[in-house]
Amino acid sequence: MDKITFLGAGSTVFVRNVLGDVMKTPSLQSFELALYDINPERMKESEQLLGAIKTTSGSSCRIKAYSDRKEALRGAKYVINAIQVGGYDPSTITDFEIPKKYGLRQTIADTVGIGGIFRNLRTIPVMHGFAEDIREVCPNALFLNYTNPMAVLTNYMNTYGGVNTVGLCHSVQVCVPHLFKDLGISAEGVKTKIAGINHMAWLLEATRDGEDLYPEIRRRAAERQKEKHHDMVRYELMLKFGYYVTESSEHNAEYHPYFIKKNYPELIERFNIPLDEYPRRCVNQIADWNRLREELLGKQELAHERTHEYASHIIEAIETDVPFRIGGNVMNTGRLIPNLPSEACVEVPCLVDRGGVQPTHVGNLPPQLAALNRTNINTQLLTLEAAATGRKEHIYQAAMLDPHTSAELSMDDIIALCDDLIEAHGDWLPKYR
């Protein structure tokens, strides 16, 4: 029996969506769904939930929880990763509260910025262990990475881990429907092209019957900016740089040096920026799951409809050789986007079939968009260098190159902040020399 292994199987709602999708896919009924998590209680809840979906759907997939990671991976054809190292308490709290002492505010802190850097540094050692096991017990597996920070972790697994990895994110899928709904434009018959880096990919083209829709998009966006709304940062970026970006305004507020500035506090109100948004979400998600747990786990049968998550569609396309198109995070090998570094991880359209995930050549981005991408790539590559070499100065350099951090703090303060975060993380981080 072929095997799909899910690492981080304590993420019960996400397991339900992704592996529930597999059980609803006729061509994937021969697979074992192998669950692994360091929290056996949460993993047991996921196993129970999947069992209820299996009963309702009549799936013939086998569900099995493992206490040994290597055995969970042994012989896997596909590995799905959805871990969060350190969790909300203590690690997310640390990522937000210590920078606040230096006057550095964040919204999400899971991609770049000082929070994203340290999220990478505590996650990469765990991913390194995954890579070692995969090379030993399932060397030909395709690794489907859902864990943030997406670009750095996907890059690490491909470049240093020796594991065939594609990074999967929701932002490309929801970008156009969200934008068109907000602007009151029909998305029917629209053709689009999206490329860049994760959380900062760009809607490069939007046409219908050969007509360029961007003039109308920009006109309506300028009207929307006259009143407060939930997506003001992205609209402002589009009006200044020409193109709409895939990830949300609360994310992009901290990817650039323009919006969260202690010397311009009025920008927070003007652009409706939700500071400390991710900790609020974590608290709410924990509360929501505690309420939802009893409802879901008390059921012997549970209905599930296939979601928009890419994982089951990728596996189906490979198994059936029926092509499927995704926006995937892959290495910039062959200069898919020539004006971004070849060693970067980029987000581009990919065709999936029996040949696997096959990225498409995009060509040069508009120069202003490539420039914005490179500001984030600089921090990503220095973070990778820090993790690969174990050298503390590369952590400092990654932070000093981050657009938001460097716009707010002096070099001395950035170094002191990094030292405080290293100390606070304790055993969550390896020793840096």
Protein backbone atom coordinates (compact mmCIF):
# COMPACT_ATOMS: atom_id res chain seq x y z
CA MET A 1 0.00 0.00 0.00
CA ASP A 2 1.35 3.45 -0.97
CA LYS A 3 1.74 5.92 1.88
CA ILE A 4 1.08 9.62 2.48
CA THR A 5 2.74 10.80 5.70
CA PHE A 6 1.47 13.87 7.55
CA LEU A 7 4.03 15.53 9.86
CA GLY A 8 2.39 17.83 12.38
CA ALA A 9 -0.75 15.71 12.50
CA GLY A 10 -1.84 17.43 15.72
CA SER A 11 -3.08 20.28 13.50
CA THR A 12 -6.47 18.61 13.52
CA VAL A 13 -8.49 21.06 11.42
CA PHE A 14 -5.80 21.17 8.74
CA VAL A 15 -5.46 17.37 8.79
CA ARG A 16 -9.21 17.16 8.31
CA ASN A 17 -9.03 19.39 5.23
CA VAL A 18 -5.97 17.88 3.55
CA LEU A 19 -6.38 14.18 4.33
CA GLY A 20 -10.15 14.45 4.18
CA ASP A 21 -9.60 15.65 0.60
CA VAL A 22 -7.48 12.56 -0.09
CA MET A 23 -10.25 10.29 1.19
CA LYS A 24 -12.71 12.07 -1.13
CA THR A 25 -10.50 11.49 -4.19
CA PRO A 26 -11.36 8.19 -5.95
CA SER A 27 -7.90 7.65 -7.45
CA LEU A 28 -6.19 7.87 -4.02
CA GLN A 29 -8.07 5.13 -2.18
CA SER A 30 -5.08 2.77 -2.16
CA PHE A 31 -3.05 5.01 0.18
CA GLU A 32 -2.21 4.61 3.84
CA LEU A 33 -2.55 7.93 5.66
CA ALA A 34 0.29 7.92 8.19
CA LEU A 35 0.03 10.42 11.06
CA TYR A 36 2.90 11.71 13.17
CA ASP A 37 3.06 14.42 15.82
CA ILE A 38 5.09 15.05 18.97
CA ASN A 39 1.79 15.54 20.83
CA PRO A 40 0.17 12.07 20.97
CA GLU A 41 -3.10 13.39 22.39
CA ARG A 42 -3.64 15.84 19.53
CA MET A 43 -2.60 13.19 17.00
CA LYS A 44 -5.17 10.80 18.48
CA GLU A 45 -7.85 13.44 18.00
CA SER A 46 -6.89 13.77 14.33
CA GLU A 47 -6.98 10.01 13.91
CA GLN A 48 -10.45 9.91 15.46
CA LEU A 49 -11.69 12.73 13.24
CA LEU A 50 -10.37 11.08 10.08
CA GLY A 51 -12.01 7.83 11.14
CA ALA A 52 -15.39 9.58 11.23
CA ILE A 53 -14.81 11.01 7.73
CA LYS A 54 -13.77 7.58 6.48
CA THR A 55 -16.99 6.05 7.80
CA THR A 56 -19.13 8.70 6.10
CA SER A 57 -17.22 8.76 2.81
CA GLY A 58 -16.76 5.01 2.47
CA SER A 59 -13.05 5.58 1.79
CA SER A 60 -10.77 2.55 1.66
CA CYS A 61 -7.71 4.56 2.77
CA ARG A 62 -6.00 3.12 5.83
CA ILE A 63 -5.45 5.55 8.72
CA LYS A 64 -2.54 4.84 11.06
CA ALA A 65 -0.92 6.92 13.81
CA TYR A 66 2.78 6.42 14.56
CA SER A 67 4.81 7.16 17.66
CA ASP A 68 8.10 6.75 15.73
CA ARG A 69 8.76 9.42 13.10
CA LYS A 70 11.06 7.32 10.99
CA GLU A 71 8.51 4.51 10.83
CA ALA A 72 5.81 6.99 9.89
CA LEU A 73 8.01 8.10 6.99
CA ARG A 74 9.27 4.69 5.92
CA GLY A 75 8.25 4.00 2.34
CA ALA A 76 6.21 7.21 1.99
CA LYS A 77 5.55 8.43 -1.52
CA TYR A 78 4.35 11.85 -0.33
CA VAL A 79 5.12 13.76 2.86
CA ILE A 80 2.94 16.67 3.99
CA ASN A 81 4.46 19.08 6.50
CA ALA A 82 2.39 21.36 8.76
CA ILE A 83 4.43 21.76 11.94
CA GLN A 84 4.83 24.83 14.15
CA VAL A 85 7.93 24.68 16.30
CA GLY A 86 7.54 26.35 19.68
CA GLY A 87 3.85 27.11 19.24
CA TYR A 88 2.09 30.22 20.47
CA ASP A 89 3.41 29.82 24.01
CA PRO A 90 6.31 30.42 24.39
CA SER A 91 7.69 31.11 20.93
CA THR A 92 5.16 33.42 19.27
CA ILE A 93 4.87 35.42 22.48
CA THR A 94 8.67 35.76 22.53
CA ASP A 95 8.75 36.85 18.87
CA PHE A 96 6.40 39.74 19.63
CA GLU A 97 7.11 40.85 23.18
CA ILE A 98 10.90 41.21 23.10
CA PRO A 99 10.95 43.35 19.93
CA LYS A 100 8.30 45.59 21.54
CA LYS A 101 10.85 46.50 24.22
CA TYR A 102 12.93 48.04 21.44
CA GLY A 103 9.95 49.85 19.94
CA LEU A 104 9.65 47.37 17.07
CA ARG A 105 6.01 46.45 16.36
CA GLN A 106 4.79 43.60 14.15
CA THR A 107 1.52 42.26 12.78
CA ILE A 108 2.07 38.57 11.87
CA ALA A 109 5.84 37.88 12.22
CA ASP A 110 5.84 34.53 10.44
CA THR A 111 7.60 35.28 7.14
CA VAL A 112 10.46 37.80 7.35
CA GLY A 113 11.07 40.52 9.89
CA ILE A 114 12.63 39.73 13.24
CA GLY A 115 9.84 37.30 14.10
CA GLY A 116 10.17 35.46 10.80
CA ILE A 117 13.94 35.14 11.20
CA PHE A 118 13.64 33.46 14.59
CA ARG A 119 10.72 31.30 13.50
CA ASN A 120 13.06 30.01 10.77
CA LEU A 121 15.97 29.47 13.11
CA ARG A 122 13.97 27.29 15.52
CA THR A 123 12.22 25.37 12.72
CA ILE A 124 15.18 24.53 10.47
CA PRO A 125 16.82 22.09 12.94
CA VAL A 126 13.57 20.10 13.05
CA MET A 127 13.33 20.17 9.26
CA HIS A 128 16.95 18.99 9.12
CA GLY A 129 15.91 15.93 11.12
CA PHE A 130 13.02 15.33 8.72
CA ALA A 131 15.43 15.50 5.78
CA GLU A 132 17.81 12.99 7.34
CA ASP A 133 14.98 10.52 7.91
CA ILE A 134 13.52 11.03 4.44
CA ARG A 135 16.86 10.44 2.72
CA GLU A 136 17.16 7.18 4.67
CA VAL A 137 13.65 5.67 4.51
CA CYS A 138 11.79 7.36 1.61
CA PRO A 139 14.38 9.11 -0.57
CA ASN A 140 12.07 9.51 -3.56
CA ALA A 141 9.22 11.13 -1.64
CA LEU A 142 7.77 14.46 -2.69
CA PHE A 143 7.74 16.83 0.30
CA LEU A 144 4.72 19.15 0.34
CA ASN A 145 5.56 22.00 2.70
CA TYR A 146 2.77 24.07 4.24
CA THR A 147 4.87 25.42 7.13
CA ASN A 148 5.91 29.07 7.36
CA PRO A 149 8.26 30.80 6.79
CA MET A 150 7.54 29.19 3.42
CA ALA A 151 10.36 30.49 1.22
CA VAL A 152 13.24 29.80 3.61
CA LEU A 153 12.05 26.37 4.75
CA THR A 154 11.31 25.21 1.21
CA ASN A 155 14.70 26.52 0.13
CA TYR A 156 16.40 24.73 3.02
CA MET A 157 14.83 21.36 2.23
CA ASN A 158 15.81 21.59 -1.44
CA THR A 159 19.27 23.14 -1.03
CA TYR A 160 20.58 21.62 2.20
CA GLY A 161 18.15 18.79 2.94
CA GLY A 162 18.44 17.00 -0.38
CA VAL A 163 14.66 16.48 -0.46
CA ASN A 164 12.41 17.17 -3.46
CA THR A 165 10.21 19.90 -2.01
CA VAL A 166 7.45 22.21 -3.20
CA GLY A 167 6.00 24.89 -0.92
CA LEU A 168 2.23 25.39 -0.91
CA CYS A 169 0.45 28.55 0.23
CA HIS A 170 -3.14 29.77 0.06
CA SER A 171 -2.37 33.32 -0.99
CA VAL A 172 -2.18 32.69 -4.74
CA GLN A 173 -5.48 30.78 -4.73
CA VAL A 174 -7.44 33.48 -2.91
CA CYS A 175 -5.76 36.58 -4.37
CA VAL A 176 -7.93 37.18 -7.44
CA PRO A 177 -11.30 36.13 -5.97
CA HIS A 178 -10.67 38.40 -2.98
CA LEU A 179 -9.61 41.40 -5.07
CA PHE A 180 -12.40 41.14 -7.63
CA LYS A 181 -15.10 40.64 -5.00
CA ASP A 182 -13.86 43.62 -3.01
CA LEU A 183 -13.85 45.86 -6.10
CA GLY A 184 -17.18 44.59 -7.40
CA ILE A 185 -15.73 43.13 -10.61
CA SER A 186 -16.88 39.78 -11.97
CA ALA A 187 -14.08 37.19 -12.02
CA GLU A 188 -15.84 35.07 -14.65
CA GLY A 189 -13.65 34.37 -17.65
CA VAL A 190 -10.66 36.19 -16.19
CA LYS A 191 -7.16 34.98 -17.08
CA THR A 192 -4.34 35.84 -14.69
CA LYS A 193 -0.60 35.51 -14.26
CA ILE A 194 0.94 35.55 -10.77
CA ALA A 195 4.61 35.26 -9.84
CA GLY A 196 7.21 36.56 -7.38
CA ILE A 197 8.10 35.16 -3.96
CA ASN A 198 5.87 33.68 -1.31
CA HIS A 199 3.59 36.26 0.35
CA MET A 200 4.95 38.82 -2.12
CA ALA A 201 3.94 37.42 -5.48
CA TRP A 202 2.36 39.82 -7.92
CA LEU A 203 -0.78 39.78 -10.02
CA LEU A 204 1.13 40.57 -13.20
CA GLU A 205 -1.75 40.21 -15.63
CA ALA A 206 -5.54 40.15 -15.42
CA THR A 207 -7.43 39.98 -18.71
CA ARG A 208 -10.86 39.02 -20.00
CA ASP A 209 -11.36 38.33 -23.71
CA GLY A 210 -8.02 39.99 -24.35
CA GLU A 211 -8.90 43.17 -22.46
CA ASP A 212 -6.47 44.40 -19.80
CA LEU A 213 -8.48 44.78 -16.59
CA TYR A 214 -5.79 46.63 -14.65
CA PRO A 215 -6.86 50.19 -15.56
CA GLU A 216 -10.30 49.52 -14.06
CA ILE A 217 -8.80 47.67 -11.08
CA ARG A 218 -6.56 50.64 -10.28
CA ARG A 219 -9.40 53.14 -10.77
CA ARG A 220 -11.68 51.31 -8.35
CA ALA A 221 -8.83 50.77 -5.87
CA ALA A 222 -8.15 54.53 -5.81
CA GLU A 223 -11.81 55.14 -4.99
CA ARG A 224 -11.73 52.52 -2.23
CA GLN A 225 -8.74 54.25 -0.63
CA LYS A 226 -10.86 57.32 0.08
CA GLU A 227 -12.54 55.43 2.93
CA LYS A 228 -11.13 53.05 5.51
CA HIS A 229 -11.27 49.34 4.61
CA HIS A 230 -9.48 46.08 5.44
CA ASP A 231 -7.02 45.99 2.51
CA MET A 232 -5.53 49.46 2.46
CA VAL A 233 -1.85 48.48 2.49
CA ARG A 234 -2.14 46.31 -0.61
CA TYR A 235 -4.12 48.92 -2.48
CA GLU A 236 -1.56 51.58 -1.56
CA LEU A 237 1.27 49.36 -2.80
CA MET A 238 -0.63 48.78 -6.06
CA LEU A 239 -1.22 52.48 -6.57
CA LYS A 240 2.45 53.31 -5.89
CA PHE A 241 4.17 50.31 -7.56
CA GLY A 242 1.56 49.37 -10.16
CA TYR A 243 0.53 45.82 -9.20
CA TYR A 244 -1.52 43.96 -6.59
CA VAL A 245 0.32 41.62 -4.22
CA THR A 246 -0.97 38.19 -3.21
CA GLU A 247 -0.72 38.19 0.57
CA SER A 248 -2.91 40.23 2.91
CA SER A 249 -2.44 43.81 4.02
CA GLU A 250 -1.62 42.81 7.59
CA HIS A 251 1.27 40.71 6.26
CA ASN A 252 2.56 43.23 3.75
CA ALA A 253 2.48 46.04 6.30
CA GLU A 254 5.61 44.50 7.87
CA TYR A 255 7.37 43.35 4.68
CA HIS A 256 8.11 46.94 3.67
CA PRO A 257 9.58 49.98 5.48
CA TYR A 258 6.65 52.29 4.71
CA PHE A 259 3.77 51.50 7.06
CA ILE A 260 4.75 50.64 10.66
CA LYS A 261 6.96 53.53 11.81
CA LYS A 262 7.22 54.88 15.33
CA ASN A 263 7.97 58.36 13.97
CA TYR A 264 4.76 58.27 11.94
CA PRO A 265 2.20 56.69 14.30
CA GLU A 266 -0.67 58.14 12.28
CA LEU A 267 0.07 55.58 9.51
CA ILE A 268 -1.34 52.78 11.68
CA GLU A 269 -4.74 54.46 11.76
CA ARG A 270 -4.56 55.75 8.20
CA PHE A 271 -3.89 52.32 6.69
CA ASN A 272 -5.93 50.36 9.24
CA ILE A 273 -2.96 48.19 10.31
CA PRO A 274 -3.72 45.55 12.97
CA LEU A 275 -0.61 45.46 15.19
CA ASP A 276 -0.13 42.22 17.18
CA GLU A 277 -2.65 40.49 14.92
CA TYR A 278 -1.08 37.02 14.97
CA PRO A 279 -1.08 36.62 18.78
CA ARG A 280 -4.77 37.57 18.78
CA ARG A 281 -5.44 34.96 16.12
CA CYS A 282 -3.57 32.32 18.08
CA VAL A 283 -5.60 32.98 21.22
CA ASN A 284 -8.85 32.90 19.22
CA GLN A 285 -7.89 29.73 17.35
CA ILE A 286 -7.07 27.94 20.60
CA ALA A 287 -10.42 29.01 22.06
CA ASP A 288 -12.28 28.04 18.88
CA TRP A 289 -10.68 24.60 18.82
CA ASN A 290 -11.55 23.99 22.46
CA ARG A 291 -15.19 24.73 21.59
CA LEU A 292 -15.10 22.75 18.35
CA ARG A 293 -13.30 19.71 19.76
CA GLU A 294 -16.29 18.33 21.65
CA GLU A 295 -18.61 18.84 18.70
CA LEU A 296 -16.36 17.13 16.16
CA LEU A 297 -14.85 14.36 18.24
CA GLY A 298 -18.23 13.23 19.52
CA LYS A 299 -19.32 12.16 16.04
CA GLN A 300 -19.00 8.67 14.65
CA GLU A 301 -19.69 9.99 11.16
CA LEU A 302 -18.53 13.30 9.69
CA ALA A 303 -19.23 14.75 6.25
CA HIS A 304 -16.43 16.36 4.28
CA GLU A 305 -16.35 18.20 0.97
CA ARG A 306 -13.10 18.46 -0.96
CA THR A 307 -11.42 21.81 -0.34
CA HIS A 308 -9.24 24.11 -2.44
CA GLU A 309 -6.05 22.86 -0.73
CA TYR A 310 -3.47 21.88 -3.33
CA ALA A 311 -2.12 18.67 -1.73
CA SER A 312 -4.74 16.13 -2.88
CA HIS A 313 -4.87 17.69 -6.35
CA ILE A 314 -1.07 17.43 -6.70
CA ILE A 315 -1.05 13.80 -5.61
CA GLU A 316 -4.01 13.02 -7.88
CA ALA A 317 -2.32 14.65 -10.88
CA ILE A 318 0.88 12.66 -10.35
CA GLU A 319 -0.98 9.38 -9.79
CA THR A 320 -3.38 9.75 -12.74
CA ASP A 321 -1.28 11.83 -15.16
CA VAL A 322 -4.19 14.26 -15.49
CA PRO A 323 -2.49 17.70 -15.42
CA PHE A 324 -3.23 20.23 -12.70
CA ARG A 325 -1.92 23.80 -12.40
CA ILE A 326 -0.73 25.28 -9.11
CA GLY A 327 1.14 28.28 -7.81
CA GLY A 328 4.13 26.58 -6.22
CA ASN A 329 7.20 27.63 -4.25
CA VAL A 330 10.26 26.19 -5.97
CA MET A 331 13.91 27.02 -6.46
CA ASN A 332 14.71 29.63 -9.11
CA THR A 333 16.66 27.00 -11.02
CA GLY A 334 17.13 27.89 -14.67
CA ARG A 335 16.26 31.50 -13.76
CA LEU A 336 12.49 31.07 -13.87
CA ILE A 337 12.46 34.75 -12.90
CA PRO A 338 15.79 36.02 -14.30
CA ASN A 339 15.89 39.29 -12.33
CA LEU A 340 15.66 37.46 -9.00
CA PRO A 341 18.65 35.53 -7.55
CA SER A 342 19.10 31.97 -8.82
CA GLU A 343 19.54 30.73 -5.24
CA ALA A 344 16.17 32.15 -4.15
CA CYS A 345 12.92 30.28 -3.68
CA VAL A 346 10.28 31.78 -5.98
CA GLU A 347 6.52 31.37 -6.36
CA VAL A 348 5.53 30.63 -9.96
CA PRO A 349 2.88 28.75 -11.94
CA CYS A 350 3.67 25.03 -12.05
CA LEU A 351 2.20 22.18 -14.07
CA VAL A 352 1.75 18.90 -12.19
CA ASP A 353 1.39 15.51 -13.89
CA ARG A 354 3.13 12.13 -13.77
CA GLY A 355 6.40 13.97 -14.30
CA GLY A 356 5.97 15.70 -10.94
CA VAL A 357 5.87 19.42 -10.21
CA GLN A 358 7.19 21.27 -13.25
CA PRO A 359 7.72 25.03 -12.79
CA THR A 360 7.14 27.38 -15.73
CA HIS A 361 9.45 30.14 -16.93
CA VAL A 362 7.97 33.53 -16.05
CA GLY A 363 10.57 35.98 -17.35
CA ASN A 364 11.65 39.23 -15.73
CA LEU A 365 9.31 40.91 -13.30
CA PRO A 366 8.71 44.65 -13.70
CA PRO A 367 11.86 46.17 -12.19
CA GLN A 368 10.14 47.82 -9.23
CA LEU A 369 8.53 44.50 -8.23
CA ALA A 370 11.79 42.57 -8.51
CA ALA A 371 13.42 45.24 -6.36
CA LEU A 372 10.78 44.84 -3.64
CA ASN A 373 11.16 41.05 -3.78
CA ARG A 374 14.93 41.28 -3.46
CA THR A 375 14.66 43.27 -0.21
CA ASN A 376 12.96 40.25 1.36
CA ILE A 377 15.14 37.68 -0.41
CA ASN A 378 18.22 39.33 1.14
CA THR A 379 16.96 38.52 4.63
CA GLN A 380 15.85 35.03 3.59
CA LEU A 381 19.28 34.10 2.21
CA LEU A 382 21.16 35.46 5.23
CA THR A 383 18.82 33.52 7.54
CA LEU A 384 19.65 30.37 5.59
CA GLU A 385 23.35 31.19 5.90
CA ALA A 386 22.97 31.56 9.67
CA ALA A 387 21.21 28.20 9.97
CA ALA A 388 23.67 26.41 7.70
CA THR A 389 26.86 27.80 9.25
CA GLY A 390 25.80 28.27 12.88
CA ARG A 391 27.36 31.73 12.85
CA LYS A 392 25.66 34.41 14.92
CA GLU A 393 26.81 37.33 12.76
CA HIS A 394 24.60 36.06 9.93
CA ILE A 395 21.58 36.36 12.24
CA TYR A 396 22.55 39.97 12.87
CA GLN A 397 23.04 40.57 9.15
CA ALA A 398 19.69 39.00 8.26
CA ALA A 399 17.99 41.36 10.72
CA MET A 400 19.95 44.39 9.55
CA LEU A 401 18.89 43.68 5.97
CA ASP A 402 15.21 43.31 6.86
CA PRO A 403 13.33 46.38 5.51
CA HIS A 404 11.07 46.99 8.51
CA THR A 405 13.63 46.23 11.22
CA SER A 406 16.39 48.33 9.63
CA ALA A 407 14.03 51.25 9.09
CA GLU A 408 13.19 51.38 12.80
CA LEU A 409 16.33 50.39 14.73
CA SER A 410 20.04 51.21 14.77
CA MET A 411 22.58 48.49 14.03
CA ASP A 412 23.55 48.32 17.71
CA ASP A 413 19.93 47.93 18.75
CA ILE A 414 19.36 45.24 16.13
CA ILE A 415 22.33 43.24 17.45
CA ALA A 416 21.15 43.65 21.04
CA LEU A 417 17.62 42.60 20.06
CA CYS A 418 18.93 39.48 18.32
CA ASP A 419 21.00 38.59 21.39
CA ASP A 420 17.95 38.99 23.62
CA LEU A 421 15.89 36.77 21.33
CA ILE A 422 18.62 34.13 21.19
CA GLU A 423 18.77 34.08 24.99
CA ALA A 424 14.98 33.99 25.36
CA HIS A 425 14.62 31.09 22.93
CA GLY A 426 17.03 28.98 24.97
CA ASP A 427 16.83 25.34 23.93
CA TRP A 428 14.50 26.16 21.04
CA LEU A 429 17.58 27.30 19.13
CA PRO A 430 20.85 25.51 18.43
CA LYS A 431 24.02 27.13 19.76
CA TYR A 432 25.33 29.92 17.56
CA ARG A 433 29.00 30.84 17.67
